[in-house]
Amino acid sequence: MTTTDLTKKLAERLEISQRESRDLLRLMCDTIARSLTHKETVILRGFGSFGTRTRAPKKFYNPAAKSHMLLPPKEVVFFRPSQRLKDSLAQRSEES
């Protein structure tokens, strides 16, 4: 599903214009991104939670330089689905 598809569905469900729907979706995404940038966890009950974690430094071999190098620690975003979402997906796969 694309942003455009999501915008259309949101507009239909809320009975608002697609422009208002697009603005609402952008605001929501910007708010989530800003919260994650400040290392805050975003919890959407019944859907899941977004957060950040620091990936440990990794050692790798660079064949061009013929030496081992170290990738620095990296901040990554994760999503953890809620139990309700997991159960919903499991139920759908059982029905298929």
C-alpha atoms as a PDB file:
ATOM      1  CA  MET A   1       0.000   0.000   0.000  1.00  0.00           C
ATOM      2  CA  THR A   2       1.401   3.384  -0.961  1.00  0.00           C
ATOM      3  CA  THR A   3       1.031   6.743   0.756  1.00  0.00           C
ATOM      4  CA  THR A   4      -1.526   7.729  -1.891  1.00  0.00           C
ATOM      5  CA  ASP A   5      -3.586   4.583  -1.235  1.00  0.00           C
ATOM      6  CA  LEU A   6      -3.451   5.192   2.497  1.00  0.00           C
ATOM      7  CA  THR A   7      -4.464   8.837   2.010  1.00  0.00           C
ATOM      8  CA  LYS A   8      -7.482   7.815  -0.089  1.00  0.00           C
ATOM      9  CA  LYS A   9      -8.649   5.195   2.409  1.00  0.00           C
ATOM     10  CA  LEU A  10      -8.209   7.604   5.316  1.00  0.00           C
ATOM     11  CA  ALA A  11     -10.209  10.288   3.479  1.00  0.00           C
ATOM     12  CA  GLU A  12     -13.037   7.820   2.789  1.00  0.00           C
ATOM     13  CA  ARG A  13     -13.188   6.502   6.369  1.00  0.00           C
ATOM     14  CA  LEU A  14     -13.057   9.949   7.997  1.00  0.00           C
ATOM     15  CA  GLU A  15     -15.211  11.602   5.323  1.00  0.00           C
ATOM     16  CA  ILE A  16     -12.670  14.378   4.753  1.00  0.00           C
ATOM     17  CA  SER A  17     -10.903  15.627   1.641  1.00  0.00           C
ATOM     18  CA  GLN A  18      -7.824  13.840   0.338  1.00  0.00           C
ATOM     19  CA  ARG A  19      -5.814  17.005   0.952  1.00  0.00           C
ATOM     20  CA  GLU A  20      -6.812  17.015   4.648  1.00  0.00           C
ATOM     21  CA  SER A  21      -6.108  13.299   4.812  1.00  0.00           C
ATOM     22  CA  ARG A  22      -2.653  13.753   3.256  1.00  0.00           C
ATOM     23  CA  ASP A  23      -1.862  16.577   5.698  1.00  0.00           C
ATOM     24  CA  LEU A  24      -3.008  14.433   8.624  1.00  0.00           C
ATOM     25  CA  LEU A  25      -0.876  11.496   7.483  1.00  0.00           C
ATOM     26  CA  ARG A  26       2.181  13.726   6.991  1.00  0.00           C
ATOM     27  CA  LEU A  27       1.699  15.259  10.429  1.00  0.00           C
ATOM     28  CA  MET A  28       1.458  11.819  12.010  1.00  0.00           C
ATOM     29  CA  CYS A  29       4.580  10.539  10.223  1.00  0.00           C
ATOM     30  CA  ASP A  30       6.520  13.712  11.064  1.00  0.00           C
ATOM     31  CA  THR A  31       5.504  13.448  14.719  1.00  0.00           C
ATOM     32  CA  ILE A  32       6.591   9.805  14.899  1.00  0.00           C
ATOM     33  CA  ALA A  33       9.894  10.599  13.158  1.00  0.00           C
ATOM     34  CA  ARG A  34      10.568  13.551  15.465  1.00  0.00           C
ATOM     35  CA  SER A  35       9.858  11.415  18.538  1.00  0.00           C
ATOM     36  CA  LEU A  36      12.200   8.679  17.308  1.00  0.00           C
ATOM     37  CA  THR A  37      14.882  11.289  16.620  1.00  0.00           C
ATOM     38  CA  HIS A  38      14.657  12.236  20.302  1.00  0.00           C
ATOM     39  CA  LYS A  39      14.950   8.531  21.252  1.00  0.00           C
ATOM     40  CA  GLU A  40      11.347   8.364  22.462  1.00  0.00           C
ATOM     41  CA  THR A  41       9.266   5.207  22.029  1.00  0.00           C
ATOM     42  CA  VAL A  42       6.005   5.648  20.095  1.00  0.00           C
ATOM     43  CA  ILE A  43       3.230   3.288  21.205  1.00  0.00           C
ATOM     44  CA  LEU A  44       0.088   2.881  19.096  1.00  0.00           C
ATOM     45  CA  ARG A  45      -2.226   0.665  21.160  1.00  0.00           C
ATOM     46  CA  GLY A  46      -3.559  -2.279  19.189  1.00  0.00           C
ATOM     47  CA  PHE A  47      -1.004  -1.744  16.417  1.00  0.00           C
ATOM     48  CA  GLY A  48       2.503  -1.772  17.863  1.00  0.00           C
ATOM     49  CA  SER A  49       5.404   0.347  18.970  1.00  0.00           C
ATOM     50  CA  PHE A  50       8.268   2.094  17.231  1.00  0.00           C
ATOM     51  CA  GLY A  51      11.579   2.708  18.919  1.00  0.00           C
ATOM     52  CA  THR A  52      15.287   3.021  18.359  1.00  0.00           C
ATOM     53  CA  ARG A  53      18.209   0.928  19.456  1.00  0.00           C
ATOM     54  CA  THR A  54      21.923   1.147  18.970  1.00  0.00           C
ATOM     55  CA  ARG A  55      23.437  -1.591  16.853  1.00  0.00           C
ATOM     56  CA  ALA A  56      26.815  -2.735  18.147  1.00  0.00           C
ATOM     57  CA  PRO A  57      29.962  -1.988  16.145  1.00  0.00           C
ATOM     58  CA  LYS A  58      30.757  -4.686  13.578  1.00  0.00           C
ATOM     59  CA  LYS A  59      34.086  -6.011  12.465  1.00  0.00           C
ATOM     60  CA  PHE A  60      34.403  -6.781   8.749  1.00  0.00           C
ATOM     61  CA  TYR A  61      37.082  -7.631   6.232  1.00  0.00           C
ATOM     62  CA  ASN A  62      37.762  -5.153   3.425  1.00  0.00           C
ATOM     63  CA  PRO A  63      39.264  -7.137   0.513  1.00  0.00           C
ATOM     64  CA  ALA A  64      40.378  -3.966  -1.308  1.00  0.00           C
ATOM     65  CA  ALA A  65      42.468  -2.792   1.656  1.00  0.00           C
ATOM     66  CA  LYS A  66      43.201  -6.388   2.742  1.00  0.00           C
ATOM     67  CA  SER A  67      42.518  -5.516   6.340  1.00  0.00           C
ATOM     68  CA  HIS A  68      39.901  -5.838   9.033  1.00  0.00           C
ATOM     69  CA  MET A  69      37.891  -2.717   9.732  1.00  0.00           C
ATOM     70  CA  LEU A  70      35.293  -1.684  12.274  1.00  0.00           C
ATOM     71  CA  LEU A  71      31.883  -0.277  11.401  1.00  0.00           C
ATOM     72  CA  PRO A  72      30.870   2.253  14.061  1.00  0.00           C
ATOM     73  CA  PRO A  73      27.773   1.741  16.236  1.00  0.00           C
ATOM     74  CA  LYS A  74      24.583   2.610  14.383  1.00  0.00           C
ATOM     75  CA  GLU A  75      21.214   3.916  15.556  1.00  0.00           C
ATOM     76  CA  VAL A  76      18.362   1.928  13.945  1.00  0.00           C
ATOM     77  CA  VAL A  77      14.559   2.083  14.073  1.00  0.00           C
ATOM     78  CA  PHE A  78      12.555  -0.991  15.047  1.00  0.00           C
ATOM     79  CA  PHE A  79       8.859  -1.873  15.024  1.00  0.00           C
ATOM     80  CA  ARG A  80       7.336  -4.294  17.496  1.00  0.00           C
ATOM     81  CA  PRO A  81       3.785  -5.399  16.558  1.00  0.00           C
ATOM     82  CA  SER A  82       1.165  -5.572  19.309  1.00  0.00           C
ATOM     83  CA  GLN A  83      -0.238  -8.911  20.390  1.00  0.00           C
ATOM     84  CA  ARG A  84      -3.577  -7.914  18.850  1.00  0.00           C
ATOM     85  CA  LEU A  85      -1.935  -7.345  15.449  1.00  0.00           C
ATOM     86  CA  LYS A  86      -0.025 -10.641  15.723  1.00  0.00           C
ATOM     87  CA  ASP A  87      -3.234 -12.509  16.580  1.00  0.00           C
ATOM     88  CA  SER A  88      -5.085 -10.868  13.683  1.00  0.00           C
ATOM     89  CA  LEU A  89      -2.375 -11.901  11.212  1.00  0.00           C
ATOM     90  CA  ALA A  90      -2.231 -15.432  12.628  1.00  0.00           C
ATOM     91  CA  GLN A  91      -6.004 -15.777  12.290  1.00  0.00           C
ATOM     92  CA  ARG A  92      -5.882 -14.665   8.642  1.00  0.00           C
ATOM     93  CA  SER A  93      -3.130 -17.144   7.796  1.00  0.00           C
ATOM     94  CA  GLU A  94      -5.156 -19.965   9.402  1.00  0.00           C
ATOM     95  CA  GLU A  95      -8.180 -19.041   7.260  1.00  0.00           C
ATOM     96  CA  SER A  96      -6.152 -19.176   4.021  1.00  0.00           C
END
